[in-house]
Amino acid sequence: EWTLQAVSPHVIVRAGEYSVYSFVKVDGGLVAVDTGWFVNQTEPAFQEVKKTTGLSDVIAIIYTHTHADHTNGTNALLKGVENPSALPVYGPRGWERNLKYESGPMTSMFLRRGLSQMGVFLPIGLDGTINSGLGGPITMGVMQEGLAVNHEITSDKESHTIGGLEFVFLNTPGDLEENMAVYLSQDKVLFIGDILDGTFLPFMSARWEPGRTITGYRDTLNRLLENFPGAEHLVSGHGIVTSGKQEVRQRL
C-alpha cells in the first residue's frame, strides 16, 4: 500500500509501489526529488502531499538521474504552473547522454528489455510478480516526457540554497553513470536515487547500458560515506527509507 512518511521536519516521502516520491518543504512551497514513472500515479501522490502539508506550489525539481521512472511523472506537478519552462530543474552532470541513448533506433528494444527485467509482463500476485526486489509490483500507466534540466550540476560537489534550505549535490555513479546524490543539510537527509535500491550490481548491466563499472559502484559508496558521515536518513529511489545514523552507515 502507498504510505506517506514524514522522514524529517522538512521531508515527506510517499513509498509503497515501484517509485518513491520525495518532497521537501521549503519557503514558498515544495521541492520535488524525482517525479516517478507515470503521470497518473504521481498525481495522487502529489495530491496527498499537498493535503498533508498545506503547500501546493512546486518551486523546484531535482532529478537524481534521467531514467524514465524518475522523470516521466513531472507533468503531474505542473498543473497551475504558469511558465513550467522557468521552473528550476536540477540534474546531474551529463544528464542528456542517457536521454539520447534511449531515444535512438533501439528504443523499443531497450524498453522491452527493461520491462521484461522488471517483471512487468508477469501477472501481479502470487502466480506472477510477487515483488520485483525494487518495490511493489509494477503497474504500467501514462508516461510523458519530463521537463529538461536547466540547472546542471557540473562540479563533483556543489551546494545550492533553495527556498531557504541548503542542498548539497554530489555527482556520483549509480544505476547510470550520470547520477547524483542530494543531501539536505539541515535535516541530514541523503537522497541517493538508484545507488542502492534500484541498482543492479554492475558485474553485468541488466540492460547492457554503458558506464557501469564494479570499481565505480564501490567508489560511489565510499564517497557517500566520506562526504555525508552525519546522514541520519537515507531515501532511495525505490524501496524503503532507512533512518538512524548507524543504520544508514550500515546500509551503505
Protein backbone atom coordinates (compact mmCIF):
# COMPACT_ATOMS: atom_id res chain seq x y z
CA GLU A 1 0.00 0.00 0.00
CA TRP A 2 1.04 3.60 -0.53
CA THR A 3 2.33 5.18 2.65
CA LEU A 4 3.07 8.82 3.40
CA GLN A 5 6.06 9.13 5.71
CA ALA A 6 7.36 12.24 7.46
CA VAL A 7 11.07 11.44 7.35
CA SER A 8 12.26 14.70 8.97
CA PRO A 9 10.86 18.17 9.72
CA HIS A 10 11.09 19.18 6.05
CA VAL A 11 10.97 15.89 4.15
CA ILE A 12 7.88 13.88 3.32
CA VAL A 13 8.08 10.70 1.26
CA ARG A 14 5.47 8.54 -0.37
CA ALA A 15 6.61 4.97 -0.89
CA GLY A 16 4.95 1.63 -1.44
CA GLU A 17 4.82 0.90 -5.14
CA TYR A 18 7.70 0.98 -7.58
CA SER A 19 8.81 4.62 -7.46
CA VAL A 20 9.48 6.67 -4.33
CA TYR A 21 8.29 10.30 -4.40
CA SER A 22 10.10 12.75 -2.14
CA PHE A 23 9.05 16.30 -1.33
CA VAL A 24 10.94 18.89 0.71
CA LYS A 25 9.02 21.67 2.43
CA VAL A 26 10.80 24.99 1.84
CA ASP A 27 9.96 28.68 1.91
CA GLY A 28 7.40 29.26 -0.82
CA GLY A 29 6.35 25.67 -1.46
CA LEU A 30 7.80 22.25 -2.22
CA VAL A 31 10.91 20.84 -3.87
CA ALA A 32 10.28 17.51 -5.60
CA VAL A 33 13.11 14.97 -5.67
CA ASP A 34 12.40 12.61 -8.60
CA THR A 35 8.88 12.53 -10.01
CA GLY A 36 8.12 8.89 -10.71
CA TRP A 37 7.37 6.98 -13.89
CA PHE A 38 3.69 7.60 -14.64
CA VAL A 39 1.69 10.81 -14.51
CA ASN A 40 -1.45 9.06 -13.32
CA GLN A 41 0.47 7.54 -10.38
CA THR A 42 2.38 10.68 -9.46
CA GLU A 43 -0.83 12.73 -9.39
CA PRO A 44 -2.46 11.04 -6.34
CA ALA A 45 0.89 11.07 -4.53
CA PHE A 46 1.16 14.81 -5.10
CA GLN A 47 -2.43 15.43 -4.04
CA GLU A 48 -1.85 13.56 -0.81
CA VAL A 49 1.32 15.52 -0.09
CA LYS A 50 -0.46 18.84 -0.76
CA LYS A 51 -3.30 17.90 1.57
CA THR A 52 -0.89 16.85 4.31
CA THR A 53 1.48 19.81 4.09
CA GLY A 54 -0.92 22.56 3.07
CA LEU A 55 1.57 23.50 0.34
CA SER A 56 0.54 23.40 -3.30
CA ASP A 57 3.33 25.02 -5.29
CA VAL A 58 6.37 23.12 -6.54
CA ILE A 59 9.16 25.70 -6.73
CA ALA A 60 11.94 23.36 -7.95
CA ILE A 61 12.50 19.82 -9.20
CA ILE A 62 15.56 17.62 -8.71
CA TYR A 63 16.33 14.57 -10.85
CA THR A 64 18.90 12.23 -9.36
CA HIS A 65 19.23 10.79 -12.88
CA THR A 66 17.22 10.72 -16.10
CA HIS A 67 15.79 7.22 -16.22
CA ALA A 68 12.11 7.50 -17.14
CA ASP A 69 10.91 6.14 -13.80
CA HIS A 70 12.42 9.24 -12.15
CA THR A 71 11.32 11.92 -14.64
CA ASN A 72 8.21 10.94 -16.60
CA GLY A 73 5.72 11.84 -13.87
CA THR A 74 6.75 15.50 -13.82
CA ASN A 75 3.68 16.85 -15.61
CA ALA A 76 1.51 15.81 -12.67
CA LEU A 77 3.24 18.53 -10.63
CA LEU A 78 2.79 21.32 -13.17
CA LYS A 79 -0.95 21.98 -13.10
CA GLY A 80 -1.42 25.65 -12.37
CA VAL A 81 2.22 26.50 -13.09
CA GLU A 82 2.09 29.49 -15.43
CA ASN A 83 5.51 29.01 -17.02
CA PRO A 84 6.81 25.45 -16.50
CA SER A 85 9.95 26.08 -18.55
CA ALA A 86 11.04 28.69 -15.98
CA LEU A 87 10.84 26.20 -13.09
CA PRO A 88 14.33 25.35 -11.79
CA VAL A 89 15.15 21.72 -12.62
CA TYR A 90 18.40 20.35 -11.21
CA GLY A 91 20.14 17.34 -12.72
CA PRO A 92 23.49 15.54 -12.75
CA ARG A 93 26.44 16.32 -14.96
CA GLY A 94 25.91 14.83 -18.43
CA TRP A 95 22.18 14.28 -17.85
CA GLU A 96 21.38 14.37 -21.59
CA ARG A 97 23.51 11.37 -22.54
CA ASN A 98 21.04 8.78 -21.32
CA LEU A 99 18.09 10.51 -22.97
CA LYS A 100 19.88 10.45 -26.32
CA TYR A 101 20.88 6.83 -25.76
CA GLU A 102 17.29 5.76 -25.05
CA SER A 103 15.73 7.78 -27.88
CA GLY A 104 17.72 6.20 -30.70
CA PRO A 105 16.74 3.50 -33.19
CA MET A 106 16.89 0.78 -30.49
CA THR A 107 14.37 2.45 -28.17
CA SER A 108 11.78 -0.33 -28.50
CA MET A 109 14.37 -2.97 -27.68
CA PHE A 110 15.59 -1.09 -24.61
CA LEU A 111 12.04 -0.58 -23.36
CA ARG A 112 11.00 -4.20 -23.81
CA ARG A 113 14.19 -5.46 -22.21
CA GLY A 114 13.72 -3.16 -19.23
CA LEU A 115 10.07 -4.13 -18.75
CA SER A 116 10.94 -7.82 -19.01
CA GLN A 117 13.72 -7.40 -16.49
CA MET A 118 11.35 -5.74 -14.01
CA GLY A 119 8.65 -8.39 -14.37
CA VAL A 120 6.06 -6.12 -15.97
CA PHE A 121 4.88 -8.85 -18.33
CA LEU A 122 4.14 -11.25 -15.48
CA PRO A 123 0.74 -11.25 -13.75
CA ILE A 124 0.64 -9.39 -10.44
CA GLY A 125 0.07 -11.65 -7.45
CA LEU A 126 1.24 -14.99 -6.10
CA ASP A 127 1.31 -16.50 -9.59
CA GLY A 128 3.43 -13.76 -11.08
CA THR A 129 5.14 -10.62 -9.90
CA ILE A 130 5.20 -11.01 -6.15
CA ASN A 131 7.89 -8.38 -5.86
CA SER A 132 10.49 -7.09 -8.26
CA GLY A 133 13.01 -6.68 -5.45
CA LEU A 134 12.90 -2.91 -6.02
CA GLY A 135 9.50 -2.13 -4.57
CA GLY A 136 5.97 -3.39 -5.17
CA PRO A 137 4.62 -4.90 -8.38
CA ILE A 138 4.81 -2.52 -11.33
CA THR A 139 1.54 -1.40 -12.87
CA MET A 140 2.01 0.44 -16.15
CA GLY A 141 0.50 3.88 -16.58
CA VAL A 142 0.73 7.10 -18.59
CA MET A 143 4.29 8.12 -19.48
CA GLN A 144 5.05 11.69 -20.56
CA GLU A 145 8.37 13.37 -21.19
CA GLY A 146 9.51 15.37 -18.16
CA LEU A 147 10.94 18.88 -18.05
CA ALA A 148 14.51 19.31 -19.26
CA VAL A 149 17.24 20.06 -16.75
CA ASN A 150 18.12 23.77 -16.70
CA HIS A 151 20.45 23.70 -13.65
CA GLU A 152 23.11 21.10 -14.45
CA ILE A 153 25.42 20.23 -11.55
CA THR A 154 28.72 20.35 -13.41
CA SER A 155 31.16 20.15 -10.48
CA ASP A 156 31.81 17.00 -8.49
CA LYS A 157 30.15 18.63 -5.49
CA GLU A 158 28.02 21.77 -5.30
CA SER A 159 25.82 23.46 -2.71
CA HIS A 160 22.70 25.42 -3.62
CA THR A 161 20.17 27.19 -1.42
CA ILE A 162 16.59 26.51 -2.49
CA GLY A 163 13.73 28.03 -0.54
CA GLY A 164 15.99 28.82 2.40
CA LEU A 165 17.48 25.32 2.77
CA GLU A 166 20.90 24.06 1.71
CA PHE A 167 21.00 21.22 -0.81
CA VAL A 168 24.38 19.57 -1.44
CA PHE A 169 24.71 17.79 -4.80
CA LEU A 170 27.33 15.08 -5.33
CA ASN A 171 27.87 13.70 -8.84
CA THR A 172 28.48 10.01 -8.33
CA PRO A 173 27.52 6.95 -10.45
CA GLY A 174 24.63 4.70 -9.61
CA ASP A 175 22.31 2.84 -11.96
CA LEU A 176 23.59 5.35 -14.51
CA GLU A 177 26.98 6.96 -14.69
CA GLU A 178 25.14 10.32 -14.70
CA ASN A 179 23.61 10.02 -11.24
CA MET A 180 23.86 12.35 -8.28
CA ALA A 181 23.18 12.11 -4.58
CA VAL A 182 21.42 15.00 -2.84
CA TYR A 183 21.92 15.91 0.81
CA LEU A 184 19.55 18.17 2.73
CA SER A 185 21.98 19.57 5.29
CA GLN A 186 19.51 20.95 7.83
CA ASP A 187 17.62 17.66 8.16
CA LYS A 188 20.57 15.31 7.49
CA VAL A 189 18.60 13.50 4.79
CA LEU A 190 20.51 11.83 1.94
CA PHE A 191 18.65 11.12 -1.32
CA ILE A 192 20.60 8.65 -3.46
CA GLY A 193 18.42 7.87 -6.47
CA ASP A 194 19.38 4.43 -7.77
CA ILE A 195 22.63 3.92 -5.91
CA LEU A 196 21.29 1.15 -3.67
CA ASP A 197 17.66 0.15 -4.22
CA GLY A 198 17.06 0.16 -7.95
CA THR A 199 20.70 -0.50 -8.78
CA PHE A 200 21.73 -3.70 -10.47
CA LEU A 201 25.22 -4.55 -9.30
CA PRO A 202 27.44 -3.83 -12.28
CA PHE A 203 29.08 -7.20 -12.76
CA MET A 204 26.95 -7.09 -15.88
CA SER A 205 24.40 -4.43 -16.65
CA ALA A 206 20.94 -5.91 -16.76
CA ARG A 207 20.09 -3.70 -19.74
CA TRP A 208 23.63 -3.60 -21.14
CA GLU A 209 23.77 0.13 -20.54
CA PRO A 210 27.21 1.74 -20.86
CA GLY A 211 29.03 3.34 -17.98
CA ARG A 212 28.51 0.87 -15.16
CA THR A 213 31.67 -0.50 -13.57
CA ILE A 214 32.40 -2.52 -10.46
CA THR A 215 35.01 -0.01 -9.30
CA GLY A 216 32.68 2.90 -9.98
CA TYR A 217 29.98 1.36 -7.81
CA ARG A 218 32.45 0.68 -5.00
CA ASP A 219 33.88 4.20 -5.21
CA THR A 220 30.37 5.67 -5.11
CA LEU A 221 29.57 4.01 -1.81
CA ASN A 222 32.90 5.13 -0.37
CA ARG A 223 32.31 8.73 -1.49
CA LEU A 224 28.88 8.79 0.13
CA LEU A 225 30.36 7.60 3.42
CA GLU A 226 33.17 10.14 3.22
CA ASN A 227 31.08 13.14 2.16
CA PHE A 228 27.99 12.62 4.32
CA PRO A 229 29.14 10.96 7.56
CA GLY A 230 26.39 12.69 9.52
CA ALA A 231 23.47 11.45 7.41
CA GLU A 232 20.62 10.25 9.59
CA HIS A 233 18.10 9.34 6.89
CA LEU A 234 18.65 7.54 3.58
CA VAL A 235 15.98 7.86 0.86
CA SER A 236 16.35 5.58 -2.16
CA GLY A 237 14.62 5.96 -5.49
CA HIS A 238 12.87 2.66 -4.82
CA GLY A 239 12.14 0.56 -1.76
CA ILE A 240 12.48 1.62 1.84
CA VAL A 241 13.63 4.65 3.83
CA THR A 242 16.41 3.98 6.32
CA SER A 243 16.64 6.12 9.48
CA GLY A 244 19.28 6.27 12.19
CA LYS A 245 22.91 7.32 11.73
CA GLN A 246 24.35 3.86 12.35
CA GLU A 247 21.64 2.19 10.26
CA VAL A 248 22.43 4.50 7.31
CA ARG A 249 26.15 3.75 7.53
CA GLN A 250 25.46 0.04 7.79
CA ARG A 251 23.35 0.07 4.63
CA LEU A 252 26.00 1.98 2.70
